PDB file of N, CA and C in Angstrom:
ATOM      1  N   MET A   1     162.083  49.736 100.384  1.00  0.00           N
ATOM      2  CA  MET A   1     162.251  50.620  99.236  1.00  0.00           C
ATOM      3  C   MET A   1     160.998  50.620  98.363  1.00  0.00           C
ATOM      4  N   LEU A   2     160.447  49.444  98.091  1.00  0.00           N
ATOM      5  CA  LEU A   2     159.262  49.342  97.244  1.00  0.00           C
ATOM      6  C   LEU A   2     158.072  50.050  97.874  1.00  0.00           C
ATOM      7  N   ILE A   3     157.897  49.905  99.174  1.00  0.00           N
ATOM      8  CA  ILE A   3     156.762  50.538  99.850  1.00  0.00           C
ATOM      9  C   ILE A   3     156.843  52.059  99.770  1.00  0.00           C
ATOM     10  N   GLU A   4     158.060  52.622  99.810  1.00  0.00           N
ATOM     11  CA  GLU A   4     158.224  54.065  99.685  1.00  0.00           C
ATOM     12  C   GLU A   4     157.842  54.538  98.284  1.00  0.00           C
ATOM     13  N   ILE A   5     158.245  53.774  97.275  1.00  0.00           N
ATOM     14  CA  ILE A   5     157.911  54.122  95.888  1.00  0.00           C
ATOM     15  C   ILE A   5     156.405  54.052  95.687  1.00  0.00           C
ATOM     16  N   VAL A   6     155.787  52.996  96.178  1.00  0.00           N
ATOM     17  CA  VAL A   6     154.341  52.842  96.059  1.00  0.00           C
ATOM     18  C   VAL A   6     153.623  53.979  96.788  1.00  0.00           C
ATOM     19  N   SER A   7     154.097  54.362  97.949  1.00  0.00           N
ATOM     20  CA  SER A   7     153.489  55.465  98.712  1.00  0.00           C
ATOM     21  C   SER A   7     153.547  56.770  97.932  1.00  0.00           C
ATOM     22  N   VAL A   8     154.669  57.052  97.295  1.00  0.00           N
ATOM     23  CA  VAL A   8     154.809  58.277  96.503  1.00  0.00           C
ATOM     24  C   VAL A   8     153.867  58.238  95.307  1.00  0.00           C
ATOM     25  N   VAL A   9     153.833  57.114  94.607  1.00  0.00           N
ATOM     26  CA  VAL A   9     152.975  56.990  93.423  1.00  0.00           C
ATOM     27  C   VAL A   9     151.498  57.116  93.819  1.00  0.00           C
ATOM     28  N   VAL A  10     151.098  56.456  94.900  1.00  0.00           N
ATOM     29  CA  VAL A  10     149.716  56.525  95.378  1.00  0.00           C
ATOM     30  C   VAL A  10     149.370  57.957  95.789  1.00  0.00           C
ATOM     31  N   SER A  11     150.297  58.641  96.433  1.00  0.00           N
ATOM     32  CA  SER A  11     150.063  60.030  96.827  1.00  0.00           C
ATOM     33  C   SER A  11     149.859  60.921  95.603  1.00  0.00           C
ATOM     34  N   ILE A  12     150.689  60.752  94.601  1.00  0.00           N
ATOM     35  CA  ILE A  12     150.577  61.552  93.378  1.00  0.00           C
ATOM     36  C   ILE A  12     149.236  61.313  92.700  1.00  0.00           C
ATOM     37  N   PHE A  13     148.863  60.049  92.527  1.00  0.00           N
ATOM     38  CA  PHE A  13     147.594  59.757  91.871  1.00  0.00           C
ATOM     39  C   PHE A  13     146.399  60.157  92.739  1.00  0.00           C
ATOM     40  N   GLY A  14     146.528  60.046  94.040  1.00  0.00           N
ATOM     41  CA  GLY A  14     145.467  60.494  94.939  1.00  0.00           C
ATOM     42  C   GLY A  14     145.231  61.984  94.823  1.00  0.00           C
ATOM     43  N   ILE A  15     146.312  62.736  94.751  1.00  0.00           N
ATOM     44  CA  ILE A  15     146.194  64.190  94.591  1.00  0.00           C
ATOM     45  C   ILE A  15     145.584  64.519  93.235  1.00  0.00           C
ATOM     46  N   LEU A  16     146.062  63.868  92.183  1.00  0.00           N
ATOM     47  CA  LEU A  16     145.511  64.119  90.846  1.00  0.00           C
ATOM     48  C   LEU A  16     144.021  63.797  90.793  1.00  0.00           C
ATOM     49  N   MET A  17     143.636  62.676  91.389  1.00  0.00           N
ATOM     50  CA  MET A  17     142.233  62.295  91.415  1.00  0.00           C
ATOM     51  C   MET A  17     141.404  63.329  92.181  1.00  0.00           C
ATOM     52  N   SER A  18     141.911  63.758  93.316  1.00  0.00           N
ATOM     53  CA  SER A  18     141.189  64.718  94.145  1.00  0.00           C
ATOM     54  C   SER A  18     141.132  66.104  93.521  1.00  0.00           C
ATOM     55  N   MET A  19     142.046  66.404  92.626  1.00  0.00           N
ATOM     56  CA  MET A  19     142.038  67.695  91.948  1.00  0.00           C
ATOM     57  C   MET A  19     140.895  67.788  90.941  1.00  0.00           C
ATOM     58  N   GLY A  20     140.217  66.679  90.708  1.00  0.00           N
ATOM     59  CA  GLY A  20     139.091  66.670  89.778  1.00  0.00           C
ATOM     60  C   GLY A  20     137.946  67.573  90.204  1.00  0.00           C
ATOM     61  N   TYR A  21     137.884  67.948  91.468  1.00  0.00           N
ATOM     62  CA  TYR A  21     136.832  68.844  91.939  1.00  0.00           C
ATOM     63  C   TYR A  21     137.078  70.293  91.526  1.00  0.00           C
ATOM     64  N   PHE A  22     138.318  70.665  91.391  1.00  0.00           N
ATOM     65  CA  PHE A  22     138.664  72.059  91.155  1.00  0.00           C
ATOM     66  C   PHE A  22     138.164  72.613  89.817  1.00  0.00           C
ATOM     67  N   PRO A  23     138.202  71.860  88.714  1.00  0.00           N
ATOM     68  CA  PRO A  23     137.626  72.403  87.472  1.00  0.00           C
ATOM     69  C   PRO A  23     136.134  72.712  87.605  1.00  0.00           C
ATOM     70  N   GLN A  24     135.408  71.873  88.351  1.00  0.00           N
ATOM     71  CA  GLN A  24     133.985  72.137  88.553  1.00  0.00           C
ATOM     72  C   GLN A  24     133.784  73.386  89.396  1.00  0.00           C
ATOM     73  N   ALA A  25     134.570  73.527  90.455  1.00  0.00           N
ATOM     74  CA  ALA A  25     134.475  74.722  91.303  1.00  0.00           C
ATOM     75  C   ALA A  25     134.804  75.972  90.485  1.00  0.00           C
ATOM     76  N   TYR A  26     135.824  75.887  89.659  1.00  0.00           N
ATOM     77  CA  TYR A  26     136.203  77.026  88.810  1.00  0.00           C
ATOM     78  C   TYR A  26     135.087  77.377  87.831  1.00  0.00           C
ATOM     79  N   ARG A  27     134.464  76.367  87.254  1.00  0.00           N
ATOM     80  CA  ARG A  27     133.385  76.606  86.291  1.00  0.00           C
ATOM     81  C   ARG A  27     132.197  77.294  86.961  1.00  0.00           C
ATOM     82  N   ILE A  28     131.848  76.843  88.166  1.00  0.00           N
ATOM     83  CA  ILE A  28     130.753  77.486  88.895  1.00  0.00           C
ATOM     84  C   ILE A  28     131.105  78.946  89.166  1.00  0.00           C
ATOM     85  N   TRP A  29     132.315  79.187  89.634  1.00  0.00           N
ATOM     86  CA  TRP A  29     132.760  80.545  89.955  1.00  0.00           C
ATOM     87  C   TRP A  29     132.789  81.435  88.700  1.00  0.00           C
ATOM     88  N   LYS A  30     133.325  80.898  87.624  1.00  0.00           N
ATOM     89  CA  LYS A  30     133.459  81.666  86.383  1.00  0.00           C
ATOM     90  C   LYS A  30     132.089  82.041  85.825  1.00  0.00           C
ATOM     91  N   ASN A  31     131.163  81.089  85.806  1.00  0.00           N
ATOM     92  CA  ASN A  31     129.832  81.327  85.246  1.00  0.00           C
ATOM     93  C   ASN A  31     128.862  81.945  86.251  1.00  0.00           C
ATOM     94  N   LYS A  32     129.269  81.981  87.516  1.00  0.00           N
ATOM     95  CA  LYS A  32     128.393  82.492  88.578  1.00  0.00           C
ATOM     96  C   LYS A  32     127.047  81.767  88.567  1.00  0.00           C
ATOM     97  N   SER A  33     127.114  80.466  88.275  1.00  0.00           N
ATOM     98  CA  SER A  33     125.901  79.659  88.202  1.00  0.00           C
ATOM     99  C   SER A  33     126.217  78.224  88.616  1.00  0.00           C
ATOM    100  N   ALA A  34     125.307  77.656  89.393  1.00  0.00           N
ATOM    101  CA  ALA A  34     125.451  76.253  89.788  1.00  0.00           C
ATOM    102  C   ALA A  34     124.358  75.405  89.146  1.00  0.00           C
ATOM    103  N   GLU A  35     123.842  75.901  88.028  1.00  0.00           N
ATOM    104  CA  GLU A  35     122.807  75.164  87.314  1.00  0.00           C
ATOM    105  C   GLU A  35     123.349  73.805  86.888  1.00  0.00           C
ATOM    106  N   ASN A  36     122.558  72.792  87.029  1.00  0.00           N
ATOM    107  CA  ASN A  36     122.893  71.403  86.668  1.00  0.00           C
ATOM    108  C   ASN A  36     123.955  70.782  87.563  1.00  0.00           C
ATOM    109  N   ILE A  37     124.223  71.370  88.714  1.00  0.00           N
ATOM    110  CA  ILE A  37     125.161  70.783  89.676  1.00  0.00           C
ATOM    111  C   ILE A  37     124.346  70.050  90.729  1.00  0.00           C
ATOM    112  N   SER A  38     124.655  68.800  90.956  1.00  0.00           N
ATOM    113  CA  SER A  38     123.940  68.016  91.951  1.00  0.00           C
ATOM    114  C   SER A  38     124.576  68.235  93.323  1.00  0.00           C
ATOM    115  N   PHE A  39     123.888  69.021  94.149  1.00  0.00           N
ATOM    116  CA  PHE A  39     124.373  69.291  95.501  1.00  0.00           C
ATOM    117  C   PHE A  39     124.517  67.990  96.284  1.00  0.00           C
ATOM    118  N   ILE A  40     123.545  67.095  96.152  1.00  0.00           N
ATOM    119  CA  ILE A  40     123.562  65.834  96.902  1.00  0.00           C
ATOM    120  C   ILE A  40     124.785  65.004  96.526  1.00  0.00           C
ATOM    121  N   THR A  41     125.100  64.953  95.245  1.00  0.00           N
ATOM    122  CA  THR A  41     126.272  64.184  94.803  1.00  0.00           C
ATOM    123  C   THR A  41     127.544  64.732  95.424  1.00  0.00           C
ATOM    124  N   TYR A  42     127.717  66.046  95.384  1.00  0.00           N
ATOM    125  CA  TYR A  42     128.937  66.630  95.941  1.00  0.00           C
ATOM    126  C   TYR A  42     128.955  66.576  97.458  1.00  0.00           C
ATOM    127  N   PHE A  43     127.784  66.580  98.083  1.00  0.00           N
ATOM    128  CA  PHE A  43     127.730  66.400  99.529  1.00  0.00           C
ATOM    129  C   PHE A  43     128.191  64.992  99.907  1.00  0.00           C
ATOM    130  N   ILE A  44     127.741  64.002  99.156  1.00  0.00           N
ATOM    131  CA  ILE A  44     128.178  62.616  99.385  1.00  0.00           C
ATOM    132  C   ILE A  44     129.684  62.498  99.172  1.00  0.00           C
ATOM    133  N   MET A  45     130.193  63.107  98.104  1.00  0.00           N
ATOM    134  CA  MET A  45     131.636  63.052  97.833  1.00  0.00           C
ATOM    135  C   MET A  45     132.431  63.753  98.941  1.00  0.00           C
ATOM    136  N   PHE A  46     131.950  64.915  99.404  1.00  0.00           N
ATOM    137  CA  PHE A  46     132.612  65.625 100.492  1.00  0.00           C
ATOM    138  C   PHE A  46     132.633  64.763 101.756  1.00  0.00           C
ATOM    139  N   THR A  47     131.493  64.164 102.083  1.00  0.00           N
ATOM    140  CA  THR A  47     131.404  63.318 103.276  1.00  0.00           C
ATOM    141  C   THR A  47     132.362  62.133 103.177  1.00  0.00           C
ATOM    142  N   GLY A  48     132.425  61.521 102.005  1.00  0.00           N
ATOM    143  CA  GLY A  48     133.340  60.387 101.802  1.00  0.00           C
ATOM    144  C   GLY A  48     134.796  60.803 101.918  1.00  0.00           C
ATOM    145  N   CYS A  49     135.155  61.921 101.298  1.00  0.00           N
ATOM    146  CA  CYS A  49     136.535  62.422 101.393  1.00  0.00           C
ATOM    147  C   CYS A  49     136.899  62.746 102.839  1.00  0.00           C
ATOM    148  N   PHE A  50     135.954  63.377 103.547  1.00  0.00           N
ATOM    149  CA  PHE A  50     136.205  63.738 104.936  1.00  0.00           C
ATOM    150  C   PHE A  50     136.393  62.483 105.797  1.00  0.00           C
ATOM    151  N   ALA A  51     135.570  61.463 105.561  1.00  0.00           N
ATOM    152  CA  ALA A  51     135.698  60.208 106.314  1.00  0.00           C
ATOM    153  C   ALA A  51     137.056  59.557 106.049  1.00  0.00           C
ATOM    154  N   TRP A  52     137.477  59.535 104.776  1.00  0.00           N
ATOM    155  CA  TRP A  52     138.783  58.970 104.445  1.00  0.00           C
ATOM    156  C   TRP A  52     139.919  59.785 105.067  1.00  0.00           C
ATOM    157  N   LEU A  53     139.751  61.096 105.113  1.00  0.00           N
ATOM    158  CA  LEU A  53     140.766  61.948 105.740  1.00  0.00           C
ATOM    159  C   LEU A  53     140.901  61.610 107.222  1.00  0.00           C
ATOM    160  N   ILE A  54     139.787  61.487 107.910  1.00  0.00           N
ATOM    161  CA  ILE A  54     139.815  61.127 109.337  1.00  0.00           C
ATOM    162  C   ILE A  54     140.467  59.754 109.513  1.00  0.00           C
ATOM    163  N   TYR A  55     140.110  58.819 108.653  1.00  0.00           N
ATOM    164  CA  TYR A  55     140.699  57.475 108.700  1.00  0.00           C
ATOM    165  C   TYR A  55     142.214  57.551 108.508  1.00  0.00           C
ATOM    166  N   GLY A  56     142.665  58.348 107.545  1.00  0.00           N
ATOM    167  CA  GLY A  56     144.096  58.505 107.305  1.00  0.00           C
ATOM    168  C   GLY A  56     144.805  59.124 108.494  1.00  0.00           C
ATOM    169  N   VAL A  57     144.165  60.082 109.149  1.00  0.00           N
ATOM    170  CA  VAL A  57     144.757  60.712 110.333  1.00  0.00           C
ATOM    171  C   VAL A  57     144.873  59.694 111.457  1.00  0.00           C
ATOM    172  N   ILE A  58     143.830  58.896 111.652  1.00  0.00           N
ATOM    173  CA  ILE A  58     143.867  57.866 112.697  1.00  0.00           C
ATOM    174  C   ILE A  58     144.995  56.877 112.437  1.00  0.00           C
ATOM    175  N   LEU A  59     145.147  56.479 111.169  1.00  0.00           N
ATOM    176  CA  LEU A  59     146.218  55.538 110.810  1.00  0.00           C
ATOM    177  C   LEU A  59     147.576  56.212 110.690  1.00  0.00           C
ATOM    178  N   GLN A  60     147.599  57.529 110.654  1.00  0.00           N
ATOM    179  CA  GLN A  60     148.809  58.311 110.401  1.00  0.00           C
ATOM    180  C   GLN A  60     149.445  57.907 109.074  1.00  0.00           C
ATOM    181  N   ASP A  61     148.581  57.770 108.062  1.00  0.00           N
ATOM    182  CA  ASP A  61     148.994  57.343 106.731  1.00  0.00           C
ATOM    183  C   ASP A  61     149.064  58.573 105.823  1.00  0.00           C
ATOM    184  N   ILE A  62     150.275  59.021 105.559  1.00  0.00           N
ATOM    185  CA  ILE A  62     150.494  60.257 104.810  1.00  0.00           C
ATOM    186  C   ILE A  62     149.858  60.229 103.414  1.00  0.00           C
ATOM    187  N   PRO A  63     149.986  59.155 102.616  1.00  0.00           N
ATOM    188  CA  PRO A  63     149.346  59.168 101.296  1.00  0.00           C
ATOM    189  C   PRO A  63     147.837  59.380 101.368  1.00  0.00           C
ATOM    190  N   ILE A  64     147.175  58.758 102.321  1.00  0.00           N
ATOM    191  CA  ILE A  64     145.728  58.948 102.469  1.00  0.00           C
ATOM    192  C   ILE A  64     145.437  60.380 102.899  1.00  0.00           C
ATOM    193  N   ILE A  65     146.179  60.881 103.861  1.00  0.00           N
ATOM    194  CA  ILE A  65     145.952  62.233 104.374  1.00  0.00           C
ATOM    195  C   ILE A  65     146.131  63.268 103.269  1.00  0.00           C
ATOM    196  N   VAL A  66     147.240  63.201 102.566  1.00  0.00           N
ATOM    197  CA  VAL A  66     147.539  64.185 101.522  1.00  0.00           C
ATOM    198  C   VAL A  66     146.476  64.134 100.422  1.00  0.00           C
ATOM    199  N   SER A  67     146.130  62.945  99.990  1.00  0.00           N
ATOM    200  CA  SER A  67     145.152  62.798  98.915  1.00  0.00           C
ATOM    201  C   SER A  67     143.806  63.371  99.302  1.00  0.00           C
ATOM    202  N   PHE A  68     143.354  63.065 100.498  1.00  0.00           N
ATOM    203  CA  PHE A  68     142.002  63.452 100.864  1.00  0.00           C
ATOM    204  C   PHE A  68     141.904  64.861 101.441  1.00  0.00           C
ATOM    205  N   VAL A  69     143.006  65.461 101.841  1.00  0.00           N
ATOM    206  CA  VAL A  69     142.965  66.892 102.169  1.00  0.00           C
ATOM    207  C   VAL A  69     142.593  67.668 100.905  1.00  0.00           C
ATOM    208  N   VAL A  70     143.217  67.324  99.807  1.00  0.00           N
ATOM    209  CA  VAL A  70     142.920  67.978  98.531  1.00  0.00           C
ATOM    210  C   VAL A  70     141.465  67.716  98.139  1.00  0.00           C
ATOM    211  N   GLY A  71     141.000  66.484  98.324  1.00  0.00           N
ATOM    212  CA  GLY A  71     139.622  66.141  97.996  1.00  0.00           C
ATOM    213  C   GLY A  71     138.606  66.868  98.851  1.00  0.00           C
ATOM    214  N   VAL A  72     138.885  67.002 100.137  1.00  0.00           N
ATOM    215  CA  VAL A  72     137.978  67.721 101.037  1.00  0.00           C
ATOM    216  C   VAL A  72     137.892  69.191 100.627  1.00  0.00           C
ATOM    217  N   ILE A  73     139.029  69.797 100.345  1.00  0.00           N
ATOM    218  CA  ILE A  73     139.032  71.209  99.941  1.00  0.00           C
ATOM    219  C   ILE A  73     138.262  71.395  98.634  1.00  0.00           C
ATOM    220  N   GLY A  74     138.560  70.567  97.645  1.00  0.00           N
ATOM    221  CA  GLY A  74     137.900  70.696  96.344  1.00  0.00           C
ATOM    222  C   GLY A  74     136.406  70.455  96.407  1.00  0.00           C
ATOM    223  N   SER A  75     135.988  69.401  97.082  1.00  0.00           N
ATOM    224  CA  SER A  75     134.553  69.115  97.162  1.00  0.00           C
ATOM    225  C   SER A  75     133.841  70.167  98.005  1.00  0.00           C
ATOM    226  N   PHE A  76     134.508  70.693  99.033  1.00  0.00           N
ATOM    227  CA  PHE A  76     133.906  71.768  99.819  1.00  0.00           C
ATOM    228  C   PHE A  76     133.707  73.023  98.968  1.00  0.00           C
ATOM    229  N   LEU A  77     134.682  73.345  98.133  1.00  0.00           N
ATOM    230  CA  LEU A  77     134.546  74.508  97.257  1.00  0.00           C
ATOM    231  C   LEU A  77     133.342  74.365  96.329  1.00  0.00           C
ATOM    232  N   VAL A  78     133.167  73.176  95.763  1.00  0.00           N
ATOM    233  CA  VAL A  78     132.012  72.954  94.891  1.00  0.00           C
ATOM    234  C   VAL A  78     130.721  73.106  95.688  1.00  0.00           C
ATOM    235  N   LEU A  79     130.659  72.530  96.880  1.00  0.00           N
ATOM    236  CA  LEU A  79     129.464  72.666  97.715  1.00  0.00           C
ATOM    237  C   LEU A  79     129.180  74.121  98.047  1.00  0.00           C
ATOM    238  N   PHE A  80     130.196  74.824  98.508  1.00  0.00           N
ATOM    239  CA  PHE A  80     130.037  76.222  98.901  1.00  0.00           C
ATOM    240  C   PHE A  80     129.560  77.072  97.727  1.00  0.00           C
ATOM    241  N   MET A  81     130.221  76.915  96.589  1.00  0.00           N
ATOM    242  CA  MET A  81     129.846  77.719  95.432  1.00  0.00           C
ATOM    243  C   MET A  81     128.501  77.321  94.857  1.00  0.00           C
ATOM    244  N   SER A  82     128.139  76.035  94.959  1.00  0.00           N
ATOM    245  CA  SER A  82     126.827  75.646  94.456  1.00  0.00           C
ATOM    246  C   SER A  82     125.720  76.241  95.313  1.00  0.00           C
ATOM    247  N   LEU A  83     125.969  76.460  96.589  1.00  0.00           N
ATOM    248  CA  LEU A  83     124.998  77.145  97.442  1.00  0.00           C
ATOM    249  C   LEU A  83     124.985  78.651  97.160  1.00  0.00           C
ATOM    250  N   LYS A  84     126.169  79.206  96.989  1.00  0.00           N
ATOM    251  CA  LYS A  84     126.289  80.654  96.766  1.00  0.00           C
ATOM    252  C   LYS A  84     125.667  81.073  95.433  1.00  0.00           C
ATOM    253  N   TYR A  85     125.877  80.284  94.402  1.00  0.00           N
ATOM    254  CA  TYR A  85     125.421  80.657  93.059  1.00  0.00           C
ATOM    255  C   TYR A  85     124.199  79.863  92.617  1.00  0.00           C
ATOM    256  N   ARG A  86     123.423  79.402  93.561  1.00  0.00           N
ATOM    257  CA  ARG A  86     122.193  78.688  93.234  1.00  0.00           C
ATOM    258  C   ARG A  86     121.246  79.616  92.496  1.00  0.00           C
ATOM    259  N   ASP A  87     120.609  79.090  91.467  1.00  0.00           N
ATOM    260  CA  ASP A  87     119.661  79.913  90.673  1.00  0.00           C
ATOM    261  C   ASP A  87     118.313  79.993  91.355  1.00  0.00           C
TER     262      ASP A  87
END
């Protein structure tokens, strides 16, 4: 019972943490500018999220998978938009 509760809580916080990329992606899109955005930083974050996602898939660990799917999508959006709206 405790492990199920911990899994749900970890999944919720993992998703919330990974949603941190979306405000940045929205700001880039809204302003049509990626000025002051570090492409290298977001590339590192994307690579890390993707590695954790693969690890979660290998382990078949749903909290890791759910959390890092959101992180991969969000960090990819920031990367894509920072390339698209580069000054």
